[in-house]
C-alpha atoms as a PDB file:
ATOM      1  CA  MET A   1       0.000   0.000   0.000  1.00  0.00           C
ATOM      2  CA  ALA A   2       1.554   3.256  -1.123  1.00  0.00           C
ATOM      3  CA  SER A   3       1.903   6.084   1.366  1.00  0.00           C
ATOM      4  CA  GLY A   4       1.214   9.758   0.807  1.00  0.00           C
ATOM      5  CA  ILE A   5      -1.617  11.423  -1.042  1.00  0.00           C
ATOM      6  CA  TYR A   6      -4.477   9.160  -2.134  1.00  0.00           C
ATOM      7  CA  LEU A   7      -7.045  10.489  -4.612  1.00  0.00           C
ATOM      8  CA  VAL A   8     -10.694   9.473  -4.364  1.00  0.00           C
ATOM      9  CA  LEU A   9     -11.812  10.352  -7.874  1.00  0.00           C
ATOM     10  CA  ASP A  10     -15.514  10.958  -7.370  1.00  0.00           C
ATOM     11  CA  SER A  11     -17.806  11.294 -10.380  1.00  0.00           C
ATOM     12  CA  ASN A  12     -19.911  13.920  -8.595  1.00  0.00           C
ATOM     13  CA  SER A  13     -16.971  16.178  -7.723  1.00  0.00           C
ATOM     14  CA  THR A  14     -15.230  16.969 -11.000  1.00  0.00           C
ATOM     15  CA  ALA A  15     -17.223  20.073 -11.994  1.00  0.00           C
ATOM     16  CA  GLY A  16     -18.344  18.270 -15.130  1.00  0.00           C
ATOM     17  CA  ARG A  17     -14.868  17.360 -16.315  1.00  0.00           C
ATOM     18  CA  PRO A  18     -14.209  13.794 -17.542  1.00  0.00           C
ATOM     19  CA  LEU A  19     -12.914  11.467 -14.856  1.00  0.00           C
ATOM     20  CA  GLU A  20     -10.069  10.322 -17.071  1.00  0.00           C
ATOM     21  CA  ASP A  21      -8.868  13.906 -17.505  1.00  0.00           C
ATOM     22  CA  ILE A  22      -8.640  14.353 -13.741  1.00  0.00           C
ATOM     23  CA  ALA A  23      -6.885  10.982 -13.440  1.00  0.00           C
ATOM     24  CA  ALA A  24      -4.343  11.984 -16.083  1.00  0.00           C
ATOM     25  CA  ALA A  25      -3.657  15.308 -14.390  1.00  0.00           C
ATOM     26  CA  ALA A  26      -3.325  13.748 -10.937  1.00  0.00           C
ATOM     27  CA  VAL A  27      -0.902  11.106 -12.197  1.00  0.00           C
ATOM     28  CA  ALA A  28       1.111  13.815 -13.946  1.00  0.00           C
ATOM     29  CA  GLY A  29       1.184  15.640 -10.600  1.00  0.00           C
ATOM     30  CA  GLY A  30       2.645  12.594  -8.897  1.00  0.00           C
ATOM     31  CA  VAL A  31      -0.239  10.785  -7.216  1.00  0.00           C
ATOM     32  CA  THR A  32       0.343   7.037  -6.875  1.00  0.00           C
ATOM     33  CA  THR A  33      -3.060   5.765  -5.713  1.00  0.00           C
ATOM     34  CA  ILE A  34      -6.468   6.567  -7.209  1.00  0.00           C
ATOM     35  CA  GLN A  35      -9.781   5.134  -6.059  1.00  0.00           C
ATOM     36  CA  LEU A  36     -12.524   5.564  -8.646  1.00  0.00           C
ATOM     37  CA  ARG A  37     -15.899   6.243  -6.976  1.00  0.00           C
ATOM     38  CA  CYS A  38     -18.929   6.374  -9.292  1.00  0.00           C
ATOM     39  CA  LYS A  39     -21.991   5.740  -7.151  1.00  0.00           C
ATOM     40  CA  ASP A  40     -24.259   7.409  -9.722  1.00  0.00           C
ATOM     41  CA  LEU A  41     -23.188   5.339 -12.739  1.00  0.00           C
ATOM     42  CA  PRO A  42     -24.622   2.022 -13.990  1.00  0.00           C
ATOM     43  CA  SER A  43     -22.279  -0.938 -14.295  1.00  0.00           C
ATOM     44  CA  GLY A  44     -21.484  -0.572 -17.971  1.00  0.00           C
ATOM     45  CA  GLU A  45     -20.623   3.109 -17.778  1.00  0.00           C
ATOM     46  CA  PHE A  46     -18.625   2.637 -14.582  1.00  0.00           C
ATOM     47  CA  THR A  47     -16.620  -0.103 -16.266  1.00  0.00           C
ATOM     48  CA  ALA A  48     -15.976   2.167 -19.243  1.00  0.00           C
ATOM     49  CA  ARG A  49     -14.674   4.875 -16.921  1.00  0.00           C
ATOM     50  CA  VAL A  50     -12.339   2.381 -15.231  1.00  0.00           C
ATOM     51  CA  LEU A  51     -10.968   1.399 -18.639  1.00  0.00           C
ATOM     52  CA  ALA A  52     -10.491   5.054 -19.591  1.00  0.00           C
ATOM     53  CA  CYS A  53      -8.727   5.957 -16.337  1.00  0.00           C
ATOM     54  CA  ALA A  54      -6.544   2.834 -16.455  1.00  0.00           C
ATOM     55  CA  ARG A  55      -4.983   4.069 -19.683  1.00  0.00           C
ATOM     56  CA  HIS A  56      -3.472   6.913 -17.657  1.00  0.00           C
ATOM     57  CA  THR A  57      -2.632   5.027 -14.460  1.00  0.00           C
ATOM     58  CA  SER A  58      -1.158   1.847 -15.942  1.00  0.00           C
ATOM     59  CA  GLY A  59       2.434   1.453 -14.794  1.00  0.00           C
ATOM     60  CA  ARG A  60       2.274   4.774 -12.937  1.00  0.00           C
ATOM     61  CA  ALA A  61      -0.350   4.522 -10.187  1.00  0.00           C
ATOM     62  CA  THR A  62      -2.496   1.991  -8.352  1.00  0.00           C
ATOM     63  CA  LEU A  63      -6.109   2.130  -9.568  1.00  0.00           C
ATOM     64  CA  LEU A  64      -8.853   0.896  -7.227  1.00  0.00           C
ATOM     65  CA  VAL A  65     -12.601   0.531  -7.747  1.00  0.00           C
ATOM     66  CA  ASN A  66     -14.950   1.762  -5.034  1.00  0.00           C
ATOM     67  CA  ASP A  67     -17.489  -0.822  -3.792  1.00  0.00           C
ATOM     68  CA  ARG A  68     -18.191  -2.585  -7.092  1.00  0.00           C
ATOM     69  CA  ILE A  69     -16.373  -5.888  -7.228  1.00  0.00           C
ATOM     70  CA  ASP A  70     -18.353  -6.766 -10.356  1.00  0.00           C
ATOM     71  CA  VAL A  71     -17.005  -3.662 -12.093  1.00  0.00           C
ATOM     72  CA  TYR A  72     -13.457  -4.478 -10.976  1.00  0.00           C
ATOM     73  CA  LEU A  73     -13.752  -8.020 -12.353  1.00  0.00           C
ATOM     74  CA  ALA A  74     -15.323  -6.792 -15.600  1.00  0.00           C
ATOM     75  CA  ALA A  75     -12.585  -4.212 -16.098  1.00  0.00           C
ATOM     76  CA  ARG A  76      -9.899  -6.808 -15.445  1.00  0.00           C
ATOM     77  CA  ALA A  77     -11.560  -9.182 -17.917  1.00  0.00           C
ATOM     78  CA  ALA A  78     -11.523  -6.370 -20.481  1.00  0.00           C
ATOM     79  CA  GLY A  79      -7.785  -5.954 -20.016  1.00  0.00           C
ATOM     80  CA  ALA A  80      -7.659  -2.921 -17.718  1.00  0.00           C
ATOM     81  CA  ASP A  81      -4.628  -2.576 -15.467  1.00  0.00           C
ATOM     82  CA  VAL A  82      -6.663  -2.133 -12.268  1.00  0.00           C
ATOM     83  CA  GLN A  83      -5.266  -3.301  -8.958  1.00  0.00           C
ATOM     84  CA  GLY A  84      -8.122  -3.787  -6.510  1.00  0.00           C
ATOM     85  CA  VAL A  85     -11.194  -2.542  -4.694  1.00  0.00           C
ATOM     86  CA  HIS A  86     -12.205  -0.481  -1.707  1.00  0.00           C
ATOM     87  CA  ILE A  87     -15.333  -1.615   0.143  1.00  0.00           C
ATOM     88  CA  GLY A  88     -17.469  -0.240   2.961  1.00  0.00           C
ATOM     89  CA  GLN A  89     -19.090  -1.769   6.004  1.00  0.00           C
ATOM     90  CA  SER A  90     -22.392  -2.284   4.172  1.00  0.00           C
ATOM     91  CA  ASP A  91     -20.817  -4.105   1.226  1.00  0.00           C
ATOM     92  CA  ILE A  92     -20.092  -7.819   1.105  1.00  0.00           C
ATOM     93  CA  PRO A  93     -17.826  -9.059   3.937  1.00  0.00           C
ATOM     94  CA  ALA A  94     -14.117  -8.478   3.494  1.00  0.00           C
ATOM     95  CA  ASP A  95     -13.233 -12.177   3.616  1.00  0.00           C
ATOM     96  CA  LEU A  96     -15.671 -12.928   0.790  1.00  0.00           C
ATOM     97  CA  ALA A  97     -14.401  -9.924  -1.158  1.00  0.00           C
ATOM     98  CA  ARG A  98     -10.875 -11.290  -0.840  1.00  0.00           C
ATOM     99  CA  THR A  99     -12.019 -14.653  -2.174  1.00  0.00           C
ATOM    100  CA  LEU A 100     -13.627 -12.979  -5.191  1.00  0.00           C
ATOM    101  CA  ILE A 101     -10.750 -10.675  -6.127  1.00  0.00           C
ATOM    102  CA  GLY A 102      -7.962 -13.138  -5.381  1.00  0.00           C
ATOM    103  CA  PRO A 103      -4.881 -13.026  -3.170  1.00  0.00           C
ATOM    104  CA  HIS A 104      -2.864 -10.477  -5.112  1.00  0.00           C
ATOM    105  CA  ALA A 105      -5.401  -7.673  -5.549  1.00  0.00           C
ATOM    106  CA  VAL A 106      -5.496  -4.708  -3.167  1.00  0.00           C
ATOM    107  CA  LEU A 107      -8.405  -4.686  -0.706  1.00  0.00           C
ATOM    108  CA  GLY A 108      -9.221  -1.599   1.334  1.00  0.00           C
ATOM    109  CA  LEU A 109     -11.983  -1.431   3.940  1.00  0.00           C
ATOM    110  CA  SER A 110     -13.717   1.609   5.430  1.00  0.00           C
ATOM    111  CA  ALA A 111     -13.774   1.632   9.229  1.00  0.00           C
ATOM    112  CA  SER A 112     -14.811   4.364  11.646  1.00  0.00           C
ATOM    113  CA  THR A 113     -15.569   2.790  15.018  1.00  0.00           C
ATOM    114  CA  ASP A 114     -13.548   0.798  17.519  1.00  0.00           C
ATOM    115  CA  ALA A 115     -15.718  -2.239  16.813  1.00  0.00           C
ATOM    116  CA  GLU A 116     -15.152  -2.026  13.059  1.00  0.00           C
ATOM    117  CA  ILE A 117     -11.401  -1.686  13.515  1.00  0.00           C
ATOM    118  CA  ASP A 118     -11.335  -4.567  16.011  1.00  0.00           C
ATOM    119  CA  THR A 119     -13.246  -6.795  13.591  1.00  0.00           C
ATOM    120  CA  ALA A 120     -10.757  -5.973  10.835  1.00  0.00           C
ATOM    121  CA  ASN A 121      -7.873  -6.721  13.208  1.00  0.00           C
ATOM    122  CA  GLU A 122      -9.387 -10.116  14.057  1.00  0.00           C
ATOM    123  CA  LEU A 123      -9.888 -10.976  10.400  1.00  0.00           C
ATOM    124  CA  ASN A 124      -6.293 -10.092   9.532  1.00  0.00           C
ATOM    125  CA  ALA A 125      -5.045 -12.067  12.525  1.00  0.00           C
ATOM    126  CA  PHE A 126      -7.045 -15.114  11.401  1.00  0.00           C
ATOM    127  CA  ALA A 127      -6.230 -14.738   7.702  1.00  0.00           C
ATOM    128  CA  PRO A 128      -3.207 -12.437   7.312  1.00  0.00           C
ATOM    129  CA  GLY A 129      -3.327 -10.161   4.302  1.00  0.00           C
ATOM    130  CA  THR A 130      -7.101 -10.201   3.912  1.00  0.00           C
ATOM    131  CA  ILE A 131      -7.315  -6.409   4.327  1.00  0.00           C
ATOM    132  CA  ASP A 132      -4.447  -4.333   2.956  1.00  0.00           C
ATOM    133  CA  TYR A 133      -5.466  -1.017   4.506  1.00  0.00           C
ATOM    134  CA  LEU A 134      -8.234   0.702   6.445  1.00  0.00           C
ATOM    135  CA  GLY A 135      -9.920   3.865   5.223  1.00  0.00           C
ATOM    136  CA  VAL A 136     -10.630   5.708   8.468  1.00  0.00           C
ATOM    137  CA  GLY A 137     -12.957   8.680   8.779  1.00  0.00           C
ATOM    138  CA  ALA A 138     -14.661  10.881   8.411  1.00  0.00           C
ATOM    139  CA  VAL A 139     -11.999  13.103   9.947  1.00  0.00           C
ATOM    140  CA  HIS A 140     -14.195  16.137   9.181  1.00  0.00           C
ATOM    141  CA  ALA A 141     -17.766  16.410   7.960  1.00  0.00           C
ATOM    142  CA  THR A 142     -17.874  16.197   4.180  1.00  0.00           C
ATOM    143  CA  PRO A 143     -20.564  16.843   1.579  1.00  0.00           C
ATOM    144  CA  THR A 144     -19.162  14.195  -0.783  1.00  0.00           C
ATOM    145  CA  LYS A 145     -20.427  11.389   1.463  1.00  0.00           C
ATOM    146  CA  LYS A 146     -23.803  12.179   2.996  1.00  0.00           C
ATOM    147  CA  ASP A 147     -23.876   9.078   5.210  1.00  0.00           C
ATOM    148  CA  HIS A 148     -20.479   9.660   6.829  1.00  0.00           C
ATOM    149  CA  PRO A 149     -20.200   8.735  10.524  1.00  0.00           C
ATOM    150  CA  GLU A 150     -19.661  11.253  13.302  1.00  0.00           C
ATOM    151  CA  PRO A 151     -16.411  13.084  12.492  1.00  0.00           C
ATOM    152  CA  LEU A 152     -13.384  11.728  14.355  1.00  0.00           C
ATOM    153  CA  GLY A 153     -11.211  14.832  14.347  1.00  0.00           C
ATOM    154  CA  TYR A 154      -7.453  14.541  14.490  1.00  0.00           C
ATOM    155  CA  GLU A 155      -7.409  13.032  17.968  1.00  0.00           C
ATOM    156  CA  GLY A 156      -9.889  10.334  17.003  1.00  0.00           C
ATOM    157  CA  LEU A 157      -7.876   9.600  13.881  1.00  0.00           C
ATOM    158  CA  ALA A 158      -4.705   9.106  15.930  1.00  0.00           C
ATOM    159  CA  VAL A 159      -6.555   6.713  18.257  1.00  0.00           C
ATOM    160  CA  ALA A 160      -7.812   4.728  15.264  1.00  0.00           C
ATOM    161  CA  VAL A 161      -4.332   4.545  13.739  1.00  0.00           C
ATOM    162  CA  ALA A 162      -2.941   3.164  17.000  1.00  0.00           C
ATOM    163  CA  ARG A 163      -5.780   0.652  17.330  1.00  0.00           C
ATOM    164  CA  GLY A 164      -5.556  -0.879  13.848  1.00  0.00           C
ATOM    165  CA  ASN A 165      -3.096  -3.511  12.650  1.00  0.00           C
ATOM    166  CA  ALA A 166      -3.237  -2.373   9.001  1.00  0.00           C
ATOM    167  CA  PRO A 167      -2.057   0.890   7.428  1.00  0.00           C
ATOM    168  CA  VAL A 168      -4.590   3.700   7.684  1.00  0.00           C
ATOM    169  CA  VAL A 169      -5.744   6.033   4.942  1.00  0.00           C
ATOM    170  CA  ALA A 170      -7.365   9.076   6.565  1.00  0.00           C
ATOM    171  CA  ILE A 171     -10.416  10.428   4.758  1.00  0.00           C
ATOM    172  CA  GLY A 172     -13.186  12.961   5.181  1.00  0.00           C
ATOM    173  CA  GLY A 173     -13.173  16.635   4.211  1.00  0.00           C
ATOM    174  CA  LEU A 174      -9.391  16.833   3.995  1.00  0.00           C
ATOM    175  CA  ASP A 175      -7.290  19.355   2.074  1.00  0.00           C
ATOM    176  CA  ALA A 176      -3.818  20.891   2.112  1.00  0.00           C
ATOM    177  CA  THR A 177      -4.361  22.514   5.525  1.00  0.00           C
ATOM    178  CA  ASP A 178      -4.810  19.081   7.099  1.00  0.00           C
ATOM    179  CA  VAL A 179      -1.510  17.568   5.980  1.00  0.00           C
ATOM    180  CA  PRO A 180       0.554  18.281   9.145  1.00  0.00           C
ATOM    181  CA  ALA A 181      -2.067  16.939  11.555  1.00  0.00           C
ATOM    182  CA  VAL A 182      -2.822  13.861   9.450  1.00  0.00           C
ATOM    183  CA  ARG A 183       0.857  13.020   9.158  1.00  0.00           C
ATOM    184  CA  ALA A 184       1.266  13.528  12.915  1.00  0.00           C
ATOM    185  CA  SER A 185      -1.544  11.029  13.548  1.00  0.00           C
ATOM    186  CA  GLY A 186       0.539   8.242  12.059  1.00  0.00           C
ATOM    187  CA  ALA A 187      -1.739   7.647   9.078  1.00  0.00           C
ATOM    188  CA  ALA A 188       0.037   6.124   6.090  1.00  0.00           C
ATOM    189  CA  SER A 189      -1.951   8.165   3.582  1.00  0.00           C
ATOM    190  CA  MET A 190      -4.342  11.095   3.322  1.00  0.00           C
ATOM    191  CA  ALA A 191      -7.276  10.719   0.948  1.00  0.00           C
ATOM    192  CA  VAL A 192      -8.637  13.804  -0.771  1.00  0.00           C
ATOM    193  CA  VAL A 193     -11.597  14.317  -3.058  1.00  0.00           C
ATOM    194  CA  ARG A 194     -12.460  17.948  -3.857  1.00  0.00           C
ATOM    195  CA  ALA A 195      -8.917  19.188  -3.102  1.00  0.00           C
ATOM    196  CA  ILE A 196      -7.925  17.651  -6.444  1.00  0.00           C
ATOM    197  CA  CYS A 197     -11.182  16.837  -8.277  1.00  0.00           C
ATOM    198  CA  ALA A 198     -12.583  20.362  -7.951  1.00  0.00           C
ATOM    199  CA  ALA A 199      -9.290  22.241  -8.282  1.00  0.00           C
ATOM    200  CA  ASP A 200      -8.848  24.639 -11.194  1.00  0.00           C
ATOM    201  CA  ASP A 201      -5.558  22.892 -11.943  1.00  0.00           C
ATOM    202  CA  PRO A 202      -5.696  19.291 -10.662  1.00  0.00           C
ATOM    203  CA  ARG A 203      -2.090  18.602 -11.630  1.00  0.00           C
ATOM    204  CA  ALA A 204      -0.759  21.572  -9.651  1.00  0.00           C
ATOM    205  CA  ALA A 205      -3.057  20.788  -6.707  1.00  0.00           C
ATOM    206  CA  THR A 206      -1.752  17.231  -6.640  1.00  0.00           C
ATOM    207  CA  ALA A 207       1.872  18.309  -6.789  1.00  0.00           C
ATOM    208  CA  ASN A 208       1.294  20.815  -3.984  1.00  0.00           C
ATOM    209  CA  LEU A 209      -0.313  18.213  -1.726  1.00  0.00           C
ATOM    210  CA  ILE A 210       2.519  15.759  -2.339  1.00  0.00           C
ATOM    211  CA  SER A 211       5.139  18.422  -1.611  1.00  0.00           C
ATOM    212  CA  LEU A 212       3.416  19.277   1.666  1.00  0.00           C
ATOM    213  CA  TRP A 213       3.159  15.600   2.620  1.00  0.00           C
ATOM    214  CA  GLU A 214       6.831  15.048   1.867  1.00  0.00           C
ATOM    215  CA  GLY A 215       7.760  18.128   3.870  1.00  0.00           C
ATOM    216  CA  GLU A 216       9.014  20.110   0.929  1.00  0.00           C
ATOM    217  CA  THR A 217       8.311  23.746   0.098  1.00  0.00           C
ATOM    218  CA  PRO A 218       5.722  23.814  -2.722  1.00  0.00           C
END
């Protein structure tokens, strides 16, 4: 699981711009992990968007599919260089997801409560490598996910990082101003949505976020 800035490329957050254009710009800016989230698209169109984005990420960044294991499998069958899926607590269980996607694909799981993190810990202890990383949040309230749990804040994020036995990707209303606190929490990565998707210049926004994460002057 790569560390640093993690882009959640959300189909509702691009200001009408094609998803593949944002993916291309983010990769050019240095991002190494992109999760494609298209909750409003039917299977066929979602698969087409995965194929389009994979042309820009192949060999340069990890491309993950949000929730839809069927779309991931379809894209793989169509020849897309896509590396895995990210699922939530209401999706199929993580152990079954792992069976479906195979041992070498990336599997991320959203977790926000102590109980959810403990369950993930137990599953990884019983079957090591089932879950590659935890997506923990929401750190702040965010309009891109209406059903987000009660915001954790930075302190809650740090507690979650310490509790889990898998790398943590922090998510939820995060932008460049959050980089120092998220890094201090011990999270392996910081996921952003609008900070790149809605930026006037997604490539420059990506490069700036990565420079801040790496402690360099943008």
